[in-house]
Full PDB file with SEQRES, HELIX, SHEET, SSBOND, CRYST1, ORIGX, SCALE, CONECT and MASTER records, all heavy atoms in Angstrom:
SEQRES   1 A   31  HIS PRO SER LEU THR PRO ALA SER ALA VAL ALA LEU THR          
SEQRES   2 A   31  LEU ARG ALA VAL GLY GLY LEU THR THR ARG GLN ILE ALA          
SEQRES   3 A   31  ARG ALA TYR LEU VAL                                          
HELIX    1 AA1 PRO A    6  ALA A   16  1                                  11    
HELIX    2 AA2 THR A   22  TYR A   29  1                                   8    
CRYST1    1.000    1.000    1.000  90.00  90.00  90.00 P 1           1          
ORIGX1      1.000000  0.000000  0.000000        0.00000                         
ORIGX2      0.000000  1.000000  0.000000        0.00000                         
ORIGX3      0.000000  0.000000  1.000000        0.00000                         
SCALE1      1.000000  0.000000  0.000000        0.00000                         
SCALE2      0.000000  1.000000  0.000000        0.00000                         
SCALE3      0.000000  0.000000  1.000000        0.00000                         
ATOM      1  N   HIS A   1      -4.608  -9.788  -4.195  1.00  0.00           N  
ATOM      2  CA  HIS A   1      -4.784 -10.691  -5.349  1.00  0.00           C  
ATOM      3  C   HIS A   1      -3.473 -11.492  -5.592  1.00  0.00           C  
ATOM      4  O   HIS A   1      -2.322 -10.945  -5.464  1.00  0.00           O  
ATOM      5  CB  HIS A   1      -5.149  -9.860  -6.585  1.00  0.00           C  
ATOM      6  CG  HIS A   1      -5.680 -10.680  -7.716  1.00  0.00           C  
ATOM      7  ND1 HIS A   1      -4.910 -11.238  -8.675  1.00  0.00           N  
ATOM      8  CD2 HIS A   1      -6.977 -11.104  -7.951  1.00  0.00           C  
ATOM      9  CE1 HIS A   1      -5.673 -11.901  -9.510  1.00  0.00           C  
ATOM     10  NE2 HIS A   1      -6.903 -11.856  -9.131  1.00  0.00           N  
ATOM     11  N   PRO A   2      -3.603 -12.762  -5.981  1.00  0.00           N  
ATOM     12  CA  PRO A   2      -2.450 -13.594  -6.271  1.00  0.00           C  
ATOM     13  C   PRO A   2      -1.534 -13.021  -7.336  1.00  0.00           C  
ATOM     14  O   PRO A   2      -0.317 -13.409  -7.364  1.00  0.00           O  
ATOM     15  CB  PRO A   2      -3.052 -14.961  -6.651  1.00  0.00           C  
ATOM     16  CG  PRO A   2      -4.414 -14.990  -6.080  1.00  0.00           C  
ATOM     17  CD  PRO A   2      -4.909 -13.599  -6.140  1.00  0.00           C  
ATOM     18  N   SER A   3      -2.042 -12.186  -8.292  1.00  0.00           N  
ATOM     19  CA  SER A   3      -1.164 -11.603  -9.248  1.00  0.00           C  
ATOM     20  C   SER A   3      -0.275 -10.511  -8.723  1.00  0.00           C  
ATOM     21  O   SER A   3       0.636 -10.070  -9.509  1.00  0.00           O  
ATOM     22  CB  SER A   3      -2.003 -11.063 -10.368  1.00  0.00           C  
ATOM     23  OG  SER A   3      -2.854 -10.016  -9.919  1.00  0.00           O  
ATOM     24  N   LEU A   4      -0.484 -10.093  -7.513  1.00  0.00           N  
ATOM     25  CA  LEU A   4       0.365  -9.003  -6.892  1.00  0.00           C  
ATOM     26  C   LEU A   4       1.311  -9.613  -5.851  1.00  0.00           C  
ATOM     27  O   LEU A   4       0.986 -10.637  -5.215  1.00  0.00           O  
ATOM     28  CB  LEU A   4      -0.539  -8.010  -6.242  1.00  0.00           C  
ATOM     29  CG  LEU A   4      -1.448  -7.202  -7.167  1.00  0.00           C  
ATOM     30  CD1 LEU A   4      -2.363  -6.321  -6.235  1.00  0.00           C  
ATOM     31  CD2 LEU A   4      -0.628  -6.291  -8.046  1.00  0.00           C  
ATOM     32  N   THR A   5       2.481  -8.986  -5.773  1.00  0.00           N  
ATOM     33  CA  THR A   5       3.332  -9.363  -4.593  1.00  0.00           C  
ATOM     34  C   THR A   5       2.680  -8.852  -3.331  1.00  0.00           C  
ATOM     35  O   THR A   5       1.868  -7.944  -3.379  1.00  0.00           O  
ATOM     36  CB  THR A   5       4.742  -8.700  -4.797  1.00  0.00           C  
ATOM     37  OG1 THR A   5       4.545  -7.224  -4.695  1.00  0.00           O  
ATOM     38  CG2 THR A   5       5.394  -9.039  -6.063  1.00  0.00           C  
ATOM     39  N   PRO A   6       3.020  -9.468  -2.217  1.00  0.00           N  
ATOM     40  CA  PRO A   6       2.433  -8.979  -0.978  1.00  0.00           C  
ATOM     41  C   PRO A   6       2.619  -7.472  -0.715  1.00  0.00           C  
ATOM     42  O   PRO A   6       1.663  -6.788  -0.273  1.00  0.00           O  
ATOM     43  CB  PRO A   6       3.135  -9.837   0.128  1.00  0.00           C  
ATOM     44  CG  PRO A   6       3.442 -11.117  -0.639  1.00  0.00           C  
ATOM     45  CD  PRO A   6       3.762 -10.719  -2.022  1.00  0.00           C  
ATOM     46  N   ALA A   7       3.807  -7.017  -1.002  1.00  0.00           N  
ATOM     47  CA  ALA A   7       4.101  -5.554  -0.761  1.00  0.00           C  
ATOM     48  C   ALA A   7       3.189  -4.721  -1.610  1.00  0.00           C  
ATOM     49  O   ALA A   7       2.719  -3.661  -1.186  1.00  0.00           O  
ATOM     50  CB  ALA A   7       5.583  -5.249  -0.971  1.00  0.00           C  
ATOM     51  N   SER A   8       3.043  -5.102  -2.865  1.00  0.00           N  
ATOM     52  CA  SER A   8       2.237  -4.290  -3.812  1.00  0.00           C  
ATOM     53  C   SER A   8       0.755  -4.391  -3.418  1.00  0.00           C  
ATOM     54  O   SER A   8      -0.007  -3.384  -3.491  1.00  0.00           O  
ATOM     55  CB  SER A   8       2.416  -4.833  -5.224  1.00  0.00           C  
ATOM     56  OG  SER A   8       3.715  -4.512  -5.740  1.00  0.00           O  
ATOM     57  N   ALA A   9       0.307  -5.513  -2.968  1.00  0.00           N  
ATOM     58  CA  ALA A   9      -1.077  -5.704  -2.583  1.00  0.00           C  
ATOM     59  C   ALA A   9      -1.374  -4.858  -1.345  1.00  0.00           C  
ATOM     60  O   ALA A   9      -2.441  -4.212  -1.290  1.00  0.00           O  
ATOM     61  CB  ALA A   9      -1.349  -7.220  -2.254  1.00  0.00           C  
ATOM     62  N   VAL A  10      -0.476  -4.810  -0.395  1.00  0.00           N  
ATOM     63  CA  VAL A  10      -0.679  -3.984   0.771  1.00  0.00           C  
ATOM     64  C   VAL A  10      -0.727  -2.506   0.396  1.00  0.00           C  
ATOM     65  O   VAL A  10      -1.642  -1.755   0.832  1.00  0.00           O  
ATOM     66  CB  VAL A  10       0.440  -4.192   1.821  1.00  0.00           C  
ATOM     67  CG1 VAL A  10       0.386  -3.193   2.929  1.00  0.00           C  
ATOM     68  CG2 VAL A  10       0.399  -5.618   2.373  1.00  0.00           C  
ATOM     69  N   ALA A  11       0.187  -2.085  -0.429  1.00  0.00           N  
ATOM     70  CA  ALA A  11       0.221  -0.690  -0.831  1.00  0.00           C  
ATOM     71  C   ALA A  11      -1.078  -0.280  -1.579  1.00  0.00           C  
ATOM     72  O   ALA A  11      -1.654   0.756  -1.295  1.00  0.00           O  
ATOM     73  CB  ALA A  11       1.444  -0.367  -1.713  1.00  0.00           C  
ATOM     74  N   LEU A  12      -1.507  -1.149  -2.504  1.00  0.00           N  
ATOM     75  CA  LEU A  12      -2.747  -0.866  -3.255  1.00  0.00           C  
ATOM     76  C   LEU A  12      -3.978  -0.771  -2.323  1.00  0.00           C  
ATOM     77  O   LEU A  12      -4.800   0.155  -2.446  1.00  0.00           O  
ATOM     78  CB  LEU A  12      -2.968  -1.942  -4.313  1.00  0.00           C  
ATOM     79  CG  LEU A  12      -4.228  -1.783  -5.152  1.00  0.00           C  
ATOM     80  CD1 LEU A  12      -4.221  -0.526  -5.936  1.00  0.00           C  
ATOM     81  CD2 LEU A  12      -4.370  -2.974  -6.066  1.00  0.00           C  
ATOM     82  N   THR A  13      -4.070  -1.688  -1.395  1.00  0.00           N  
ATOM     83  CA  THR A  13      -5.177  -1.722  -0.469  1.00  0.00           C  
ATOM     84  C   THR A  13      -5.186  -0.501   0.394  1.00  0.00           C  
ATOM     85  O   THR A  13      -6.284   0.118   0.615  1.00  0.00           O  
ATOM     86  CB  THR A  13      -5.225  -2.960   0.312  1.00  0.00           C  
ATOM     87  OG1 THR A  13      -4.982  -4.069  -0.494  1.00  0.00           O  
ATOM     88  CG2 THR A  13      -6.576  -3.199   1.061  1.00  0.00           C  
ATOM     89  N   LEU A  14      -4.082  -0.156   0.970  1.00  0.00           N  
ATOM     90  CA  LEU A  14      -3.991   1.014   1.800  1.00  0.00           C  
ATOM     91  C   LEU A  14      -4.434   2.297   1.053  1.00  0.00           C  
ATOM     92  O   LEU A  14      -5.110   3.124   1.609  1.00  0.00           O  
ATOM     93  CB  LEU A  14      -2.566   1.165   2.323  1.00  0.00           C  
ATOM     94  CG  LEU A  14      -2.120   0.148   3.348  1.00  0.00           C  
ATOM     95  CD1 LEU A  14      -0.585   0.331   3.596  1.00  0.00           C  
ATOM     96  CD2 LEU A  14      -2.897   0.229   4.689  1.00  0.00           C  
ATOM     97  N   ARG A  15      -4.041   2.372  -0.155  1.00  0.00           N  
ATOM     98  CA  ARG A  15      -4.356   3.580  -1.006  1.00  0.00           C  
ATOM     99  C   ARG A  15      -5.829   3.573  -1.401  1.00  0.00           C  
ATOM    100  O   ARG A  15      -6.538   4.575  -1.273  1.00  0.00           O  
ATOM    101  CB  ARG A  15      -3.431   3.635  -2.167  1.00  0.00           C  
ATOM    102  CG  ARG A  15      -3.632   4.878  -3.029  1.00  0.00           C  
ATOM    103  CD  ARG A  15      -3.190   6.148  -2.268  1.00  0.00           C  
ATOM    104  NE  ARG A  15      -3.510   7.374  -3.041  1.00  0.00           N  
ATOM    105  CZ  ARG A  15      -4.609   8.079  -2.824  1.00  0.00           C  
ATOM    106  NH1 ARG A  15      -5.524   7.679  -1.936  1.00  0.00           N  
ATOM    107  NH2 ARG A  15      -4.791   9.181  -3.536  1.00  0.00           N  
ATOM    108  N   ALA A  16      -6.267   2.461  -2.000  1.00  0.00           N  
ATOM    109  CA  ALA A  16      -7.593   2.432  -2.594  1.00  0.00           C  
ATOM    110  C   ALA A  16      -8.748   2.235  -1.586  1.00  0.00           C  
ATOM    111  O   ALA A  16      -9.857   2.762  -1.746  1.00  0.00           O  
ATOM    112  CB  ALA A  16      -7.648   1.309  -3.657  1.00  0.00           C  
ATOM    113  N   VAL A  17      -8.450   1.402  -0.606  1.00  0.00           N  
ATOM    114  CA  VAL A  17      -9.585   0.991   0.344  1.00  0.00           C  
ATOM    115  C   VAL A  17      -9.381   1.590   1.742  1.00  0.00           C  
ATOM    116  O   VAL A  17     -10.283   2.103   2.373  1.00  0.00           O  
ATOM    117  CB  VAL A  17      -9.718  -0.487   0.457  1.00  0.00           C  
ATOM    118  CG1 VAL A  17     -10.976  -0.883   1.272  1.00  0.00           C  
ATOM    119  CG2 VAL A  17      -9.815  -1.141  -0.913  1.00  0.00           C  
ATOM    120  N   GLY A  18      -8.136   1.623   2.190  1.00  0.00           N  
ATOM    121  CA  GLY A  18      -7.808   2.163   3.550  1.00  0.00           C  
ATOM    122  C   GLY A  18      -7.868   3.608   3.621  1.00  0.00           C  
ATOM    123  O   GLY A  18      -7.980   4.146   4.756  1.00  0.00           O  
ATOM    124  N   GLY A  19      -7.765   4.351   2.492  1.00  0.00           N  
ATOM    125  CA  GLY A  19      -7.860   5.785   2.557  1.00  0.00           C  
ATOM    126  C   GLY A  19      -6.601   6.504   2.956  1.00  0.00           C  
ATOM    127  O   GLY A  19      -6.613   7.699   3.179  1.00  0.00           O  
ATOM    128  N   LEU A  20      -5.470   5.825   2.971  1.00  0.00           N  
ATOM    129  CA  LEU A  20      -4.232   6.483   3.347  1.00  0.00           C  
ATOM    130  C   LEU A  20      -3.607   7.177   2.053  1.00  0.00           C  
ATOM    131  O   LEU A  20      -3.850   6.771   0.941  1.00  0.00           O  
ATOM    132  CB  LEU A  20      -3.172   5.528   3.853  1.00  0.00           C  
ATOM    133  CG  LEU A  20      -3.252   5.229   5.339  1.00  0.00           C  
ATOM    134  CD1 LEU A  20      -4.544   4.566   5.756  1.00  0.00           C  
ATOM    135  CD2 LEU A  20      -2.061   4.306   5.806  1.00  0.00           C  
ATOM    136  N   THR A  21      -2.922   8.255   2.290  1.00  0.00           N  
ATOM    137  CA  THR A  21      -2.181   8.883   1.214  1.00  0.00           C  
ATOM    138  C   THR A  21      -0.915   8.130   0.836  1.00  0.00           C  
ATOM    139  O   THR A  21      -0.426   7.357   1.660  1.00  0.00           O  
ATOM    140  CB  THR A  21      -1.845  10.328   1.565  1.00  0.00           C  
ATOM    141  OG1 THR A  21      -0.862  10.338   2.616  1.00  0.00           O  
ATOM    142  CG2 THR A  21      -3.073  11.129   2.049  1.00  0.00           C  
ATOM    143  N   THR A  22      -0.450   8.452  -0.358  1.00  0.00           N  
ATOM    144  CA  THR A  22       0.854   7.794  -0.725  1.00  0.00           C  
ATOM    145  C   THR A  22       1.989   8.160   0.237  1.00  0.00           C  
ATOM    146  O   THR A  22       2.853   7.302   0.540  1.00  0.00           O  
ATOM    147  CB  THR A  22       1.262   8.250  -2.152  1.00  0.00           C  
ATOM    148  OG1 THR A  22       0.181   7.917  -3.045  1.00  0.00           O  
ATOM    149  CG2 THR A  22       2.543   7.589  -2.635  1.00  0.00           C  
ATOM    150  N   ARG A  23       1.968   9.407   0.706  1.00  0.00           N  
ATOM    151  CA  ARG A  23       3.005   9.829   1.691  1.00  0.00           C  
ATOM    152  C   ARG A  23       2.908   9.019   2.947  1.00  0.00           C  
ATOM    153  O   ARG A  23       3.952   8.557   3.498  1.00  0.00           O  
ATOM    154  CB  ARG A  23       2.858  11.263   1.946  1.00  0.00           C  
ATOM    155  CG  ARG A  23       3.832  11.770   3.072  1.00  0.00           C  
ATOM    156  CD  ARG A  23       3.759  13.255   3.234  1.00  0.00           C  
ATOM    157  NE  ARG A  23       4.150  13.979   2.008  1.00  0.00           N  
ATOM    158  CZ  ARG A  23       4.074  15.301   1.848  1.00  0.00           C  
ATOM    159  NH1 ARG A  23       3.741  16.030   2.877  1.00  0.00           N  
ATOM    160  NH2 ARG A  23       4.481  15.894   0.725  1.00  0.00           N  
ATOM    161  N   GLN A  24       1.727   8.781   3.473  1.00  0.00           N  
ATOM    162  CA  GLN A  24       1.569   8.019   4.716  1.00  0.00           C  
ATOM    163  C   GLN A  24       2.021   6.503   4.542  1.00  0.00           C  
ATOM    164  O   GLN A  24       2.652   5.962   5.401  1.00  0.00           O  
ATOM    165  CB  GLN A  24       0.146   8.052   5.118  1.00  0.00           C  
ATOM    166  CG  GLN A  24      -0.346   9.421   5.686  1.00  0.00           C  
ATOM    167  CD  GLN A  24      -1.845   9.468   5.819  1.00  0.00           C  
ATOM    168  OE1 GLN A  24      -2.595   8.833   5.091  1.00  0.00           O  
ATOM    169  NE2 GLN A  24      -2.335  10.293   6.715  1.00  0.00           N  
ATOM    170  N   ILE A  25       1.660   5.978   3.353  1.00  0.00           N  
ATOM    171  CA  ILE A  25       2.048   4.601   3.110  1.00  0.00           C  
ATOM    172  C   ILE A  25       3.618   4.471   2.970  1.00  0.00           C  
ATOM    173  O   ILE A  25       4.227   3.553   3.508  1.00  0.00           O  
ATOM    174  CB  ILE A  25       1.447   4.050   1.822  1.00  0.00           C  
ATOM    175  CG1 ILE A  25      -0.106   4.100   1.907  1.00  0.00           C  
ATOM    176  CG2 ILE A  25       1.805   2.644   1.535  1.00  0.00           C  
ATOM    177  CD1 ILE A  25      -0.835   3.930   0.619  1.00  0.00           C  
ATOM    178  N   ALA A  26       4.200   5.447   2.277  1.00  0.00           N  
ATOM    179  CA  ALA A  26       5.669   5.461   2.148  1.00  0.00           C  
ATOM    180  C   ALA A  26       6.378   5.504   3.507  1.00  0.00           C  
ATOM    181  O   ALA A  26       7.353   4.901   3.759  1.00  0.00           O  
ATOM    182  CB  ALA A  26       6.059   6.674   1.245  1.00  0.00           C  
ATOM    183  N   ARG A  27       5.812   6.425   4.332  1.00  0.00           N  
ATOM    184  CA  ARG A  27       6.387   6.528   5.693  1.00  0.00           C  
ATOM    185  C   ARG A  27       6.294   5.183   6.435  1.00  0.00           C  
ATOM    186  O   ARG A  27       7.231   4.776   7.155  1.00  0.00           O  
ATOM    187  CB  ARG A  27       5.734   7.633   6.449  1.00  0.00           C  
ATOM    188  CG  ARG A  27       6.388   7.985   7.831  1.00  0.00           C  
ATOM    189  CD  ARG A  27       5.785   9.225   8.446  1.00  0.00           C  
ATOM    190  NE  ARG A  27       4.401   8.937   8.921  1.00  0.00           N  
ATOM    191  CZ  ARG A  27       3.386   9.693   8.694  1.00  0.00           C  
ATOM    192  NH1 ARG A  27       3.519  10.862   7.989  1.00  0.00           N  
ATOM    193  NH2 ARG A  27       2.168   9.400   9.198  1.00  0.00           N  
ATOM    194  N   ALA A  28       5.199   4.521   6.335  1.00  0.00           N  
ATOM    195  CA  ALA A  28       5.032   3.192   7.018  1.00  0.00           C  
ATOM    196  C   ALA A  28       6.048   2.152   6.520  1.00  0.00           C  
ATOM    197  O   ALA A  28       6.550   1.351   7.257  1.00  0.00           O  
ATOM    198  CB  ALA A  28       3.616   2.671   6.830  1.00  0.00           C  
ATOM    199  N   TYR A  29       6.398   2.287   5.245  1.00  0.00           N  
ATOM    200  CA  TYR A  29       7.359   1.324   4.621  1.00  0.00           C  
ATOM    201  C   TYR A  29       8.765   1.768   4.678  1.00  0.00           C  
ATOM    202  O   TYR A  29       9.714   1.098   4.167  1.00  0.00           O  
ATOM    203  CB  TYR A  29       6.948   0.989   3.188  1.00  0.00           C  
ATOM    204  CG  TYR A  29       5.985  -0.122   3.065  1.00  0.00           C  
ATOM    205  CD1 TYR A  29       4.579   0.032   3.076  1.00  0.00           C  
ATOM    206  CD2 TYR A  29       6.446  -1.463   3.006  1.00  0.00           C  
ATOM    207  CE1 TYR A  29       3.751  -1.003   2.997  1.00  0.00           C  
ATOM    208  CE2 TYR A  29       5.603  -2.527   2.861  1.00  0.00           C  
ATOM    209  CZ  TYR A  29       4.218  -2.290   2.883  1.00  0.00           C  
ATOM    210  OH  TYR A  29       3.350  -3.345   2.773  1.00  0.00           O  
ATOM    211  N   LEU A  30       9.052   2.985   5.157  1.00  0.00           N  
ATOM    212  CA  LEU A  30      10.358   3.596   5.275  1.00  0.00           C  
ATOM    213  C   LEU A  30      10.972   3.700   3.905  1.00  0.00           C  
ATOM    214  O   LEU A  30      12.195   3.430   3.644  1.00  0.00           O  
ATOM    215  CB  LEU A  30      11.289   2.732   6.155  1.00  0.00           C  
ATOM    216  CG  LEU A  30      10.735   2.349   7.529  1.00  0.00           C  
ATOM    217  CD1 LEU A  30      11.794   1.569   8.305  1.00  0.00           C  
ATOM    218  CD2 LEU A  30      10.376   3.647   8.301  1.00  0.00           C  
ATOM    219  N   VAL A  31      10.176   4.178   2.864  1.00  0.00           N  
ATOM    220  CA  VAL A  31      10.712   4.369   1.511  1.00  0.00           C  
ATOM    221  C   VAL A  31      10.344   5.788   1.048  1.00  0.00           C  
ATOM    222  O   VAL A  31       9.361   6.296   1.558  1.00  0.00           O  
ATOM    223  CB  VAL A  31      10.171   3.300   0.524  1.00  0.00           C  
ATOM    224  CG1 VAL A  31      10.602   1.896   0.901  1.00  0.00           C  
ATOM    225  CG2 VAL A  31       8.678   3.414   0.390  1.00  0.00           C  
TER     226      VAL A  31                                                      
MASTER        0    0    0    2    0    0    0    6  225    1    0    3          
END                                                                             
């Protein structure tokens, strides 16, 4: 969504729609 930064949009989609856990997303972003 335009109201989100690209990084936040990616994280939200991965968690809510992609089915990834927060830990998996964090590992992909190196944070």
